[in-house]
Amino acid sequence: MSRSGRPPLARREREIMDVLYRFGGGTAHEVQARLADSTTYSTVRTQLSVLTRKGHVRCMQRGRAYRYVPAVSCDVAGKKTLEQVVEIYFDGSVAKAIAALRGLVSTDIR
């Protein structure tokens, strides 16, 4: 369990969340169409159900379709993710994380 109280995301769940953040939500069919690979509709539906149970996504019925939207804003989710990265990979040290980022930036310039 992450510090946000929500279980961490698996790779496919992160990809689906990226689609939901990028397009402001969507139906399972819309999410499926926007994923980079050929994931089946039933897999997308299952993953959206899991994300809903985990508290990352809210589901609203619109007519016969269900629309899925992120439970928190992209900014809040990004901040929580950065907090987790700092905690896990940099022993909770923001200074170590910034030093690592500086190293990335300096290698990109060369």
PDB file of N, CA and C in Angstrom:
ATOM      1  N   MET A   1       0.857  -1.179   0.000  1.00  0.00           N
ATOM      2  CA  MET A   1       0.000   0.000   0.000  1.00  0.00           C
ATOM      3  C   MET A   1       0.897   1.234   0.000  1.00  0.00           C
ATOM      4  N   SER A   2       0.584   2.185  -0.820  1.00  0.00           N
ATOM      5  CA  SER A   2       1.352   3.419  -0.888  1.00  0.00           C
ATOM      6  C   SER A   2       0.919   4.366   0.225  1.00  0.00           C
ATOM      7  N   ARG A   3       1.693   5.436   0.408  1.00  0.00           N
ATOM      8  CA  ARG A   3       1.357   6.414   1.442  1.00  0.00           C
ATOM      9  C   ARG A   3       0.052   7.127   1.146  1.00  0.00           C
ATOM     10  N   SER A   4      -0.385   7.126  -0.087  1.00  0.00           N
ATOM     11  CA  SER A   4      -1.642   7.783  -0.441  1.00  0.00           C
ATOM     12  C   SER A   4      -2.849   6.974   0.006  1.00  0.00           C
ATOM     13  N   GLY A   5      -2.612   5.733   0.472  1.00  0.00           N
ATOM     14  CA  GLY A   5      -3.713   4.871   0.866  1.00  0.00           C
ATOM     15  C   GLY A   5      -4.252   4.047  -0.280  1.00  0.00           C
ATOM     16  N   ARG A   6      -3.702   4.236  -1.463  1.00  0.00           N
ATOM     17  CA  ARG A   6      -4.121   3.466  -2.637  1.00  0.00           C
ATOM     18  C   ARG A   6      -3.026   2.477  -2.990  1.00  0.00           C
ATOM     19  N   PRO A   7      -3.406   1.268  -3.396  1.00  0.00           N
ATOM     20  CA  PRO A   7      -2.381   0.316  -3.838  1.00  0.00           C
ATOM     21  C   PRO A   7      -1.632   0.858  -5.051  1.00  0.00           C
ATOM     22  N   PRO A   8      -0.348   0.500  -5.186  1.00  0.00           N
ATOM     23  CA  PRO A   8       0.422   0.968  -6.348  1.00  0.00           C
ATOM     24  C   PRO A   8      -0.120   0.391  -7.646  1.00  0.00           C
ATOM     25  N   LEU A   9       0.249   1.025  -8.742  1.00  0.00           N
ATOM     26  CA  LEU A   9      -0.259   0.625 -10.058  1.00  0.00           C
ATOM     27  C   LEU A   9       0.704  -0.319 -10.767  1.00  0.00           C
ATOM     28  N   ALA A  10       0.139  -1.297 -11.447  1.00  0.00           N
ATOM     29  CA  ALA A  10       0.907  -2.168 -12.337  1.00  0.00           C
ATOM     30  C   ALA A  10       1.120  -1.427 -13.660  1.00  0.00           C
ATOM     31  N   ARG A  11       1.992  -1.965 -14.514  1.00  0.00           N
ATOM     32  CA  ARG A  11       2.326  -1.293 -15.778  1.00  0.00           C
ATOM     33  C   ARG A  11       1.083  -0.997 -16.619  1.00  0.00           C
ATOM     34  N   ARG A  12       0.239  -1.983 -16.854  1.00  0.00           N
ATOM     35  CA  ARG A  12      -0.963  -1.781 -17.683  1.00  0.00           C
ATOM     36  C   ARG A  12      -1.893  -0.756 -17.028  1.00  0.00           C
ATOM     37  N   GLU A  13      -2.000  -0.793 -15.713  1.00  0.00           N
ATOM     38  CA  GLU A  13      -2.852   0.179 -15.014  1.00  0.00           C
ATOM     39  C   GLU A  13      -2.323   1.593 -15.219  1.00  0.00           C
ATOM     40  N   ARG A  14      -1.001   1.761 -15.173  1.00  0.00           N
ATOM     41  CA  ARG A  14      -0.417   3.091 -15.421  1.00  0.00           C
ATOM     42  C   ARG A  14      -0.717   3.562 -16.836  1.00  0.00           C
ATOM     43  N   GLU A  15      -0.662   2.659 -17.809  1.00  0.00           N
ATOM     44  CA  GLU A  15      -0.962   3.023 -19.194  1.00  0.00           C
ATOM     45  C   GLU A  15      -2.411   3.472 -19.335  1.00  0.00           C
ATOM     46  N   ILE A  16      -3.313   2.777 -18.672  1.00  0.00           N
ATOM     47  CA  ILE A  16      -4.733   3.151 -18.726  1.00  0.00           C
ATOM     48  C   ILE A  16      -4.946   4.489 -18.032  1.00  0.00           C
ATOM     49  N   MET A  17      -4.297   4.696 -16.896  1.00  0.00           N
ATOM     50  CA  MET A  17      -4.419   5.980 -16.198  1.00  0.00           C
ATOM     51  C   MET A  17      -3.886   7.114 -17.069  1.00  0.00           C
ATOM     52  N   ASP A  18      -2.810   6.858 -17.802  1.00  0.00           N
ATOM     53  CA  ASP A  18      -2.265   7.870 -18.707  1.00  0.00           C
ATOM     54  C   ASP A  18      -3.307   8.280 -19.738  1.00  0.00           C
ATOM     55  N   VAL A  19      -4.015   7.315 -20.295  1.00  0.00           N
ATOM     56  CA  VAL A  19      -5.078   7.611 -21.268  1.00  0.00           C
ATOM     57  C   VAL A  19      -6.178   8.429 -20.597  1.00  0.00           C
ATOM     58  N   LEU A  20      -6.591   8.029 -19.404  1.00  0.00           N
ATOM     59  CA  LEU A  20      -7.664   8.752 -18.717  1.00  0.00           C
ATOM     60  C   LEU A  20      -7.253  10.185 -18.396  1.00  0.00           C
ATOM     61  N   TYR A  21      -6.004  10.392 -17.958  1.00  0.00           N
ATOM     62  CA  TYR A  21      -5.537  11.753 -17.679  1.00  0.00           C
ATOM     63  C   TYR A  21      -5.424  12.560 -18.969  1.00  0.00           C
ATOM     64  N   ARG A  22      -4.884  11.963 -20.000  1.00  0.00           N
ATOM     65  CA  ARG A  22      -4.658  12.684 -21.259  1.00  0.00           C
ATOM     66  C   ARG A  22      -5.965  13.145 -21.898  1.00  0.00           C
ATOM     67  N   PHE A  23      -7.011  12.319 -21.798  1.00  0.00           N
ATOM     68  CA  PHE A  23      -8.269  12.634 -22.479  1.00  0.00           C
ATOM     69  C   PHE A  23      -9.399  13.005 -21.517  1.00  0.00           C
ATOM     70  N   GLY A  24      -9.101  13.123 -20.232  1.00  0.00           N
ATOM     71  CA  GLY A  24     -10.106  13.549 -19.262  1.00  0.00           C
ATOM     72  C   GLY A  24     -11.123  12.477 -18.908  1.00  0.00           C
ATOM     73  N   GLY A  25     -10.812  11.224 -19.228  1.00  0.00           N
ATOM     74  CA  GLY A  25     -11.720  10.119 -18.942  1.00  0.00           C
ATOM     75  C   GLY A  25     -12.138   9.444 -20.232  1.00  0.00           C
ATOM     76  N   GLY A  26     -13.003   8.449 -20.088  1.00  0.00           N
ATOM     77  CA  GLY A  26     -13.491   7.771 -21.274  1.00  0.00           C
ATOM     78  C   GLY A  26     -14.190   6.473 -20.947  1.00  0.00           C
ATOM     79  N   THR A  27     -14.848   5.921 -21.939  1.00  0.00           N
ATOM     80  CA  THR A  27     -15.474   4.617 -21.809  1.00  0.00           C
ATOM     81  C   THR A  27     -14.396   3.545 -22.022  1.00  0.00           C
ATOM     82  N   ALA A  28     -14.739   2.308 -21.728  1.00  0.00           N
ATOM     83  CA  ALA A  28     -13.780   1.222 -21.946  1.00  0.00           C
ATOM     84  C   ALA A  28     -13.388   1.133 -23.413  1.00  0.00           C
ATOM     85  N   HIS A  29     -14.355   1.332 -24.313  1.00  0.00           N
ATOM     86  CA  HIS A  29     -14.049   1.293 -25.754  1.00  0.00           C
ATOM     87  C   HIS A  29     -13.089   2.418 -26.138  1.00  0.00           C
ATOM     88  N   GLU A  30     -13.306   3.617 -25.600  1.00  0.00           N
ATOM     89  CA  GLU A  30     -12.418   4.746 -25.910  1.00  0.00           C
ATOM     90  C   GLU A  30     -11.014   4.493 -25.383  1.00  0.00           C
ATOM     91  N   VAL A  31     -10.919   3.974 -24.160  1.00  0.00           N
ATOM     92  CA  VAL A  31      -9.609   3.668 -23.584  1.00  0.00           C
ATOM     93  C   VAL A  31      -8.914   2.616 -24.439  1.00  0.00           C
ATOM     94  N   GLN A  32      -9.626   1.570 -24.795  1.00  0.00           N
ATOM     95  CA  GLN A  32      -9.047   0.502 -25.611  1.00  0.00           C
ATOM     96  C   GLN A  32      -8.494   1.056 -26.923  1.00  0.00           C
ATOM     97  N   ALA A  33      -9.246   1.910 -27.562  1.00  0.00           N
ATOM     98  CA  ALA A  33      -8.825   2.480 -28.847  1.00  0.00           C
ATOM     99  C   ALA A  33      -7.582   3.357 -28.713  1.00  0.00           C
ATOM    100  N   ARG A  34      -7.385   3.936 -27.548  1.00  0.00           N
ATOM    101  CA  ARG A  34      -6.271   4.875 -27.359  1.00  0.00           C
ATOM    102  C   ARG A  34      -5.011   4.224 -26.797  1.00  0.00           C
ATOM    103  N   LEU A  35      -5.081   2.962 -26.422  1.00  0.00           N
ATOM    104  CA  LEU A  35      -3.889   2.262 -25.938  1.00  0.00           C
ATOM    105  C   LEU A  35      -2.989   1.927 -27.121  1.00  0.00           C
ATOM    106  N   ALA A  36      -1.692   1.897 -26.864  1.00  0.00           N
ATOM    107  CA  ALA A  36      -0.713   1.707 -27.933  1.00  0.00           C
ATOM    108  C   ALA A  36      -0.758   0.309 -28.549  1.00  0.00           C
ATOM    109  N   ASP A  37      -1.129  -0.699 -27.765  1.00  0.00           N
ATOM    110  CA  ASP A  37      -1.138  -2.054 -28.317  1.00  0.00           C
ATOM    111  C   ASP A  37      -2.567  -2.566 -28.474  1.00  0.00           C
ATOM    112  N   SER A  38      -2.704  -3.793 -28.875  1.00  0.00           N
ATOM    113  CA  SER A  38      -4.029  -4.340 -29.166  1.00  0.00           C
ATOM    114  C   SER A  38      -4.607  -5.098 -27.969  1.00  0.00           C
ATOM    115  N   THR A  39      -4.815  -4.405 -26.885  1.00  0.00           N
ATOM    116  CA  THR A  39      -5.426  -4.990 -25.697  1.00  0.00           C
ATOM    117  C   THR A  39      -6.910  -5.233 -25.965  1.00  0.00           C
ATOM    118  N   THR A  40      -7.419  -6.362 -25.497  1.00  0.00           N
ATOM    119  CA  THR A  40      -8.823  -6.683 -25.739  1.00  0.00           C
ATOM    120  C   THR A  40      -9.742  -5.818 -24.883  1.00  0.00           C
ATOM    121  N   TYR A  41     -10.962  -5.678 -25.347  1.00  0.00           N
ATOM    122  CA  TYR A  41     -11.971  -4.906 -24.628  1.00  0.00           C
ATOM    123  C   TYR A  41     -12.189  -5.476 -23.229  1.00  0.00           C
ATOM    124  N   SER A  42     -12.281  -6.804 -23.119  1.00  0.00           N
ATOM    125  CA  SER A  42     -12.551  -7.397 -21.801  1.00  0.00           C
ATOM    126  C   SER A  42     -11.394  -7.148 -20.832  1.00  0.00           C
ATOM    127  N   THR A  43     -10.165  -7.124 -21.335  1.00  0.00           N
ATOM    128  CA  THR A  43      -9.012  -6.819 -20.480  1.00  0.00           C
ATOM    129  C   THR A  43      -9.086  -5.380 -19.984  1.00  0.00           C
ATOM    130  N   VAL A  44      -9.431  -4.465 -20.863  1.00  0.00           N
ATOM    131  CA  VAL A  44      -9.553  -3.053 -20.464  1.00  0.00           C
ATOM    132  C   VAL A  44     -10.656  -2.898 -19.425  1.00  0.00           C
ATOM    133  N   ARG A  45     -11.798  -3.539 -19.639  1.00  0.00           N
ATOM    134  CA  ARG A  45     -12.899  -3.485 -18.663  1.00  0.00           C
ATOM    135  C   ARG A  45     -12.459  -4.023 -17.314  1.00  0.00           C
ATOM    136  N   THR A  46     -11.756  -5.141 -17.318  1.00  0.00           N
ATOM    137  CA  THR A  46     -11.265  -5.728 -16.068  1.00  0.00           C
ATOM    138  C   THR A  46     -10.311  -4.776 -15.363  1.00  0.00           C
ATOM    139  N   GLN A  47      -9.380  -4.195 -16.108  1.00  0.00           N
ATOM    140  CA  GLN A  47      -8.417  -3.270 -15.518  1.00  0.00           C
ATOM    141  C   GLN A  47      -9.104  -2.017 -14.970  1.00  0.00           C
ATOM    142  N   LEU A  48     -10.103  -1.516 -15.669  1.00  0.00           N
ATOM    143  CA  LEU A  48     -10.846  -0.354 -15.177  1.00  0.00           C
ATOM    144  C   LEU A  48     -11.589  -0.705 -13.886  1.00  0.00           C
ATOM    145  N   SER A  49     -12.116  -1.907 -13.788  1.00  0.00           N
ATOM    146  CA  SER A  49     -12.778  -2.355 -12.551  1.00  0.00           C
ATOM    147  C   SER A  49     -11.784  -2.430 -11.399  1.00  0.00           C
ATOM    148  N   VAL A  50     -10.597  -2.956 -11.685  1.00  0.00           N
ATOM    149  CA  VAL A  50      -9.547  -3.040 -10.664  1.00  0.00           C
ATOM    150  C   VAL A  50      -9.150  -1.638 -10.210  1.00  0.00           C
ATOM    151  N   LEU A  51      -8.956  -0.726 -11.168  1.00  0.00           N
ATOM    152  CA  LEU A  51      -8.585   0.653 -10.823  1.00  0.00           C
ATOM    153  C   LEU A  51      -9.676   1.339 -10.008  1.00  0.00           C
ATOM    154  N   THR A  52     -10.923   1.011 -10.285  1.00  0.00           N
ATOM    155  CA  THR A  52     -12.036   1.561  -9.510  1.00  0.00           C
ATOM    156  C   THR A  52     -11.992   1.026  -8.088  1.00  0.00           C
ATOM    157  N   ARG A  53     -11.791  -0.284  -7.944  1.00  0.00           N
ATOM    158  CA  ARG A  53     -11.696  -0.894  -6.608  1.00  0.00           C
ATOM    159  C   ARG A  53     -10.531  -0.330  -5.815  1.00  0.00           C
ATOM    160  N   LYS A  54      -9.417  -0.065  -6.487  1.00  0.00           N
ATOM    161  CA  LYS A  54      -8.231   0.475  -5.826  1.00  0.00           C
ATOM    162  C   LYS A  54      -8.387   1.943  -5.459  1.00  0.00           C
ATOM    163  N   GLY A  55      -9.415   2.603  -5.997  1.00  0.00           N
ATOM    164  CA  GLY A  55      -9.658   4.007  -5.682  1.00  0.00           C
ATOM    165  C   GLY A  55      -8.970   4.997  -6.600  1.00  0.00           C
ATOM    166  N   HIS A  56      -8.393   4.526  -7.698  1.00  0.00           N
ATOM    167  CA  HIS A  56      -7.714   5.420  -8.644  1.00  0.00           C
ATOM    168  C   HIS A  56      -8.678   6.022  -9.661  1.00  0.00           C
ATOM    169  N   VAL A  57      -9.810   5.352  -9.870  1.00  0.00           N
ATOM    170  CA  VAL A  57     -10.763   5.737 -10.916  1.00  0.00           C
ATOM    171  C   VAL A  57     -12.168   5.779 -10.331  1.00  0.00           C
ATOM    172  N   ARG A  58     -12.966   6.713 -10.835  1.00  0.00           N
ATOM    173  CA  ARG A  58     -14.397   6.747 -10.517  1.00  0.00           C
ATOM    174  C   ARG A  58     -15.163   6.363 -11.770  1.00  0.00           C
ATOM    175  N   CYS A  59     -16.275   5.696 -11.571  1.00  0.00           N
ATOM    176  CA  CYS A  59     -17.089   5.213 -12.680  1.00  0.00           C
ATOM    177  C   CYS A  59     -18.462   5.866 -12.600  1.00  0.00           C
ATOM    178  N   MET A  60     -18.933   6.393 -13.735  1.00  0.00           N
ATOM    179  CA  MET A  60     -20.254   7.016 -13.800  1.00  0.00           C
ATOM    180  C   MET A  60     -21.009   6.419 -14.974  1.00  0.00           C
ATOM    181  N   GLN A  61     -22.252   6.065 -14.744  1.00  0.00           N
ATOM    182  CA  GLN A  61     -23.050   5.520 -15.839  1.00  0.00           C
ATOM    183  C   GLN A  61     -23.652   6.660 -16.637  1.00  0.00           C
ATOM    184  N   ARG A  62     -23.465   6.597 -17.966  1.00  0.00           N
ATOM    185  CA  ARG A  62     -24.025   7.567 -18.904  1.00  0.00           C
ATOM    186  C   ARG A  62     -24.859   6.789 -19.906  1.00  0.00           C
ATOM    187  N   GLY A  63     -26.166   6.747 -19.692  1.00  0.00           N
ATOM    188  CA  GLY A  63     -27.015   5.928 -20.545  1.00  0.00           C
ATOM    189  C   GLY A  63     -26.672   4.464 -20.311  1.00  0.00           C
ATOM    190  N   ARG A  64     -26.338   3.769 -21.379  1.00  0.00           N
ATOM    191  CA  ARG A  64     -25.956   2.362 -21.250  1.00  0.00           C
ATOM    192  C   ARG A  64     -24.455   2.182 -21.049  1.00  0.00           C
ATOM    193  N   ALA A  65     -23.687   3.228 -21.272  1.00  0.00           N
ATOM    194  CA  ALA A  65     -22.226   3.133 -21.165  1.00  0.00           C
ATOM    195  C   ALA A  65     -21.750   3.616 -19.790  1.00  0.00           C
ATOM    196  N   TYR A  66     -20.570   3.148 -19.424  1.00  0.00           N
ATOM    197  CA  TYR A  66     -19.912   3.614 -18.206  1.00  0.00           C
ATOM    198  C   TYR A  66     -18.730   4.465 -18.603  1.00  0.00           C
ATOM    199  N   ARG A  67     -18.620   5.620 -17.955  1.00  0.00           N
ATOM    200  CA  ARG A  67     -17.510   6.530 -18.211  1.00  0.00           C
ATOM    201  C   ARG A  67     -16.597   6.505 -17.000  1.00  0.00           C
ATOM    202  N   TYR A  68     -15.321   6.388 -17.248  1.00  0.00           N
ATOM    203  CA  TYR A  68     -14.320   6.300 -16.191  1.00  0.00           C
ATOM    204  C   TYR A  68     -13.490   7.576 -16.182  1.00  0.00           C
ATOM    205  N   VAL A  69     -13.282   8.119 -14.985  1.00  0.00           N
ATOM    206  CA  VAL A  69     -12.478   9.329 -14.826  1.00  0.00           C
ATOM    207  C   VAL A  69     -11.514   9.121 -13.666  1.00  0.00           C
ATOM    208  N   PRO A  70     -10.347   9.780 -13.702  1.00  0.00           N
ATOM    209  CA  PRO A  70      -9.417   9.668 -12.587  1.00  0.00           C
ATOM    210  C   PRO A  70     -10.057  10.185 -11.295  1.00  0.00           C
ATOM    211  N   ALA A  71      -9.745   9.537 -10.184  1.00  0.00           N
ATOM    212  CA  ALA A  71     -10.303   9.937  -8.886  1.00  0.00           C
ATOM    213  C   ALA A  71      -9.622  11.187  -8.339  1.00  0.00           C
ATOM    214  N   VAL A  72      -8.372  11.423  -8.737  1.00  0.00           N
ATOM    215  CA  VAL A  72      -7.649  12.633  -8.320  1.00  0.00           C
ATOM    216  C   VAL A  72      -7.051  13.286  -9.553  1.00  0.00           C
ATOM    217  N   SER A  73      -6.737  14.572  -9.441  1.00  0.00           N
ATOM    218  CA  SER A  73      -6.162  15.295 -10.576  1.00  0.00           C
ATOM    219  C   SER A  73      -4.776  14.746 -10.915  1.00  0.00           C
ATOM    220  N   CYS A  74      -4.347  15.013 -12.114  1.00  0.00           N
ATOM    221  CA  CYS A  74      -3.028  14.585 -12.567  1.00  0.00           C
ATOM    222  C   CYS A  74      -1.935  15.218 -11.698  1.00  0.00           C
ATOM    223  N   ASP A  75      -2.110  16.465 -11.300  1.00  0.00           N
ATOM    224  CA  ASP A  75      -1.136  17.151 -10.450  1.00  0.00           C
ATOM    225  C   ASP A  75      -0.977  16.441  -9.111  1.00  0.00           C
ATOM    226  N   VAL A  76      -2.089  16.094  -8.488  1.00  0.00           N
ATOM    227  CA  VAL A  76      -2.051  15.414  -7.192  1.00  0.00           C
ATOM    228  C   VAL A  76      -1.418  14.031  -7.351  1.00  0.00           C
ATOM    229  N   ALA A  77      -1.820  13.306  -8.380  1.00  0.00           N
ATOM    230  CA  ALA A  77      -1.260  11.971  -8.620  1.00  0.00           C
ATOM    231  C   ALA A  77       0.241  12.056  -8.880  1.00  0.00           C
ATOM    232  N   GLY A  78       0.660  13.054  -9.654  1.00  0.00           N
ATOM    233  CA  GLY A  78       2.082  13.236  -9.934  1.00  0.00           C
ATOM    234  C   GLY A  78       2.877  13.519  -8.679  1.00  0.00           C
ATOM    235  N   LYS A  79       2.343  14.362  -7.824  1.00  0.00           N
ATOM    236  CA  LYS A  79       3.031  14.680  -6.576  1.00  0.00           C
ATOM    237  C   LYS A  79       3.155  13.438  -5.703  1.00  0.00           C
ATOM    238  N   LYS A  80       2.084  12.668  -5.598  1.00  0.00           N
ATOM    239  CA  LYS A  80       2.119  11.436  -4.802  1.00  0.00           C
ATOM    240  C   LYS A  80       3.146  10.456  -5.367  1.00  0.00           C
ATOM    241  N   THR A  81       3.205  10.362  -6.695  1.00  0.00           N
ATOM    242  CA  THR A  81       4.162   9.463  -7.330  1.00  0.00           C
ATOM    243  C   THR A  81       5.586   9.912  -7.048  1.00  0.00           C
ATOM    244  N   LEU A  82       5.847  11.214  -7.147  1.00  0.00           N
ATOM    245  CA  LEU A  82       7.190  11.725  -6.837  1.00  0.00           C
ATOM    246  C   LEU A  82       7.561  11.451  -5.382  1.00  0.00           C
ATOM    247  N   GLU A  83       6.609  11.617  -4.479  1.00  0.00           N
ATOM    248  CA  GLU A  83       6.866  11.314  -3.068  1.00  0.00           C
ATOM    249  C   GLU A  83       7.267   9.848  -2.904  1.00  0.00           C
ATOM    250  N   GLN A  84       6.589   8.962  -3.620  1.00  0.00           N
ATOM    251  CA  GLN A  84       6.908   7.534  -3.543  1.00  0.00           C
ATOM    252  C   GLN A  84       8.297   7.250  -4.114  1.00  0.00           C
ATOM    253  N   VAL A  85       8.627   7.870  -5.247  1.00  0.00           N
ATOM    254  CA  VAL A  85       9.945   7.675  -5.856  1.00  0.00           C
ATOM    255  C   VAL A  85      11.042   8.144  -4.913  1.00  0.00           C
ATOM    256  N   VAL A  86      10.866   9.305  -4.327  1.00  0.00           N
ATOM    257  CA  VAL A  86      11.865   9.832  -3.394  1.00  0.00           C
ATOM    258  C   VAL A  86      12.010   8.889  -2.204  1.00  0.00           C
ATOM    259  N   GLU A  87      10.906   8.417  -1.675  1.00  0.00           N
ATOM    260  CA  GLU A  87      10.942   7.520  -0.516  1.00  0.00           C
ATOM    261  C   GLU A  87      11.617   6.193  -0.861  1.00  0.00           C
ATOM    262  N   ILE A  88      11.247   5.607  -1.972  1.00  0.00           N
ATOM    263  CA  ILE A  88      11.728   4.264  -2.330  1.00  0.00           C
ATOM    264  C   ILE A  88      13.166   4.281  -2.853  1.00  0.00           C
ATOM    265  N   TYR A  89      13.473   5.183  -3.781  1.00  0.00           N
ATOM    266  CA  TYR A  89      14.756   5.130  -4.471  1.00  0.00           C
ATOM    267  C   TYR A  89      15.820   6.064  -3.903  1.00  0.00           C
ATOM    268  N   PHE A  90      15.426   7.033  -3.104  1.00  0.00           N
ATOM    269  CA  PHE A  90      16.386   8.011  -2.600  1.00  0.00           C
ATOM    270  C   PHE A  90      16.349   8.132  -1.083  1.00  0.00           C
ATOM    271  N   ASP A  91      15.897   7.078  -0.412  1.00  0.00           N
ATOM    272  CA  ASP A  91      15.862   7.032   1.058  1.00  0.00           C
ATOM    273  C   ASP A  91      15.145   8.233   1.662  1.00  0.00           C
ATOM    274  N   GLY A  92      14.149   8.744   0.973  1.00  0.00           N
ATOM    275  CA  GLY A  92      13.381   9.874   1.475  1.00  0.00           C
ATOM    276  C   GLY A  92      14.079  11.218   1.342  1.00  0.00           C
ATOM    277  N   SER A  93      15.217  11.241   0.666  1.00  0.00           N
ATOM    278  CA  SER A  93      16.003  12.472   0.544  1.00  0.00           C
ATOM    279  C   SER A  93      15.681  13.204  -0.763  1.00  0.00           C
ATOM    280  N   VAL A  94      15.060  14.371  -0.631  1.00  0.00           N
ATOM    281  CA  VAL A  94      14.775  15.198  -1.799  1.00  0.00           C
ATOM    282  C   VAL A  94      16.082  15.665  -2.434  1.00  0.00           C
ATOM    283  N   ALA A  95      17.089  15.948  -1.606  1.00  0.00           N
ATOM    284  CA  ALA A  95      18.385  16.398  -2.121  1.00  0.00           C
ATOM    285  C   ALA A  95      19.012  15.338  -3.025  1.00  0.00           C
ATOM    286  N   LYS A  96      18.939  14.061  -2.627  1.00  0.00           N
ATOM    287  CA  LYS A  96      19.479  12.982  -3.471  1.00  0.00           C
ATOM    288  C   LYS A  96      18.698  12.888  -4.788  1.00  0.00           C
ATOM    289  N   ALA A  97      17.399  13.067  -4.725  1.00  0.00           N
ATOM    290  CA  ALA A  97      16.573  13.003  -5.934  1.00  0.00           C
ATOM    291  C   ALA A  97      16.926  14.151  -6.874  1.00  0.00           C
ATOM    292  N   ILE A  98      17.097  15.329  -6.335  1.00  0.00           N
ATOM    293  CA  ILE A  98      17.461  16.487  -7.161  1.00  0.00           C
ATOM    294  C   ILE A  98      18.838  16.286  -7.787  1.00  0.00           C
ATOM    295  N   ALA A  99      19.773  15.735  -7.020  1.00  0.00           N
ATOM    296  CA  ALA A  99      21.113  15.465  -7.550  1.00  0.00           C
ATOM    297  C   ALA A  99      21.018  14.475  -8.721  1.00  0.00           C
ATOM    298  N   ALA A 100      20.176  13.463  -8.584  1.00  0.00           N
ATOM    299  CA  ALA A 100      20.000  12.492  -9.668  1.00  0.00           C
ATOM    300  C   ALA A 100      19.390  13.162 -10.894  1.00  0.00           C
ATOM    301  N   LEU A 101      18.429  14.048 -10.682  1.00  0.00           N
ATOM    302  CA  LEU A 101      17.821  14.769 -11.801  1.00  0.00           C
ATOM    303  C   LEU A 101      18.832  15.683 -12.486  1.00  0.00           C
ATOM    304  N   ARG A 102      19.662  16.330 -11.689  1.00  0.00           N
ATOM    305  CA  ARG A 102      20.702  17.176 -12.282  1.00  0.00           C
ATOM    306  C   ARG A 102      21.627  16.343 -13.151  1.00  0.00           C
ATOM    307  N   GLY A 103      21.942  15.136 -12.691  1.00  0.00           N
ATOM    308  CA  GLY A 103      22.788  14.241 -13.477  1.00  0.00           C
ATOM    309  C   GLY A 103      22.140  13.874 -14.794  1.00  0.00           C
ATOM    310  N   LEU A 104      20.825  13.678 -14.789  1.00  0.00           N
ATOM    311  CA  LEU A 104      20.112  13.369 -16.020  1.00  0.00           C
ATOM    312  C   LEU A 104      20.146  14.556 -16.967  1.00  0.00           C
ATOM    313  N   VAL A 105      19.925  15.732 -16.436  1.00  0.00           N
ATOM    314  CA  VAL A 105      19.897  16.939 -17.262  1.00  0.00           C
ATOM    315  C   VAL A 105      21.265  17.189 -17.884  1.00  0.00           C
ATOM    316  N   SER A 106      22.323  17.031 -17.098  1.00  0.00           N
ATOM    317  CA  SER A 106      23.652  17.311 -17.640  1.00  0.00           C
ATOM    318  C   SER A 106      24.057  16.301 -18.708  1.00  0.00           C
ATOM    319  N   THR A 107      23.574  15.043 -18.599  1.00  0.00           N
ATOM    320  CA  THR A 107      23.904  14.070 -19.636  1.00  0.00           C
ATOM    321  C   THR A 107      23.092  14.318 -20.899  1.00  0.00           C
ATOM    322  N   ASP A 108      21.891  14.912 -20.770  1.00  0.00           N
ATOM    323  CA  ASP A 108      21.056  15.232 -21.931  1.00  0.00           C
ATOM    324  C   ASP A 108      21.640  16.380 -22.751  1.00  0.00           C
ATOM    325  N   ILE A 109      22.360  17.282 -22.098  1.00  0.00           N
ATOM    326  CA  ILE A 109      22.904  18.470 -22.761  1.00  0.00           C
ATOM    327  C   ILE A 109      24.074  18.082 -23.646  1.00  0.00           C
ATOM    328  N   ARG A 110      24.830  17.095 -23.262  1.00  0.00           N
ATOM    329  CA  ARG A 110      26.032  16.703 -24.023  1.00  0.00           C
ATOM    330  C   ARG A 110      25.716  16.124 -25.350  1.00  0.00           C
TER     331      ARG A 110
END
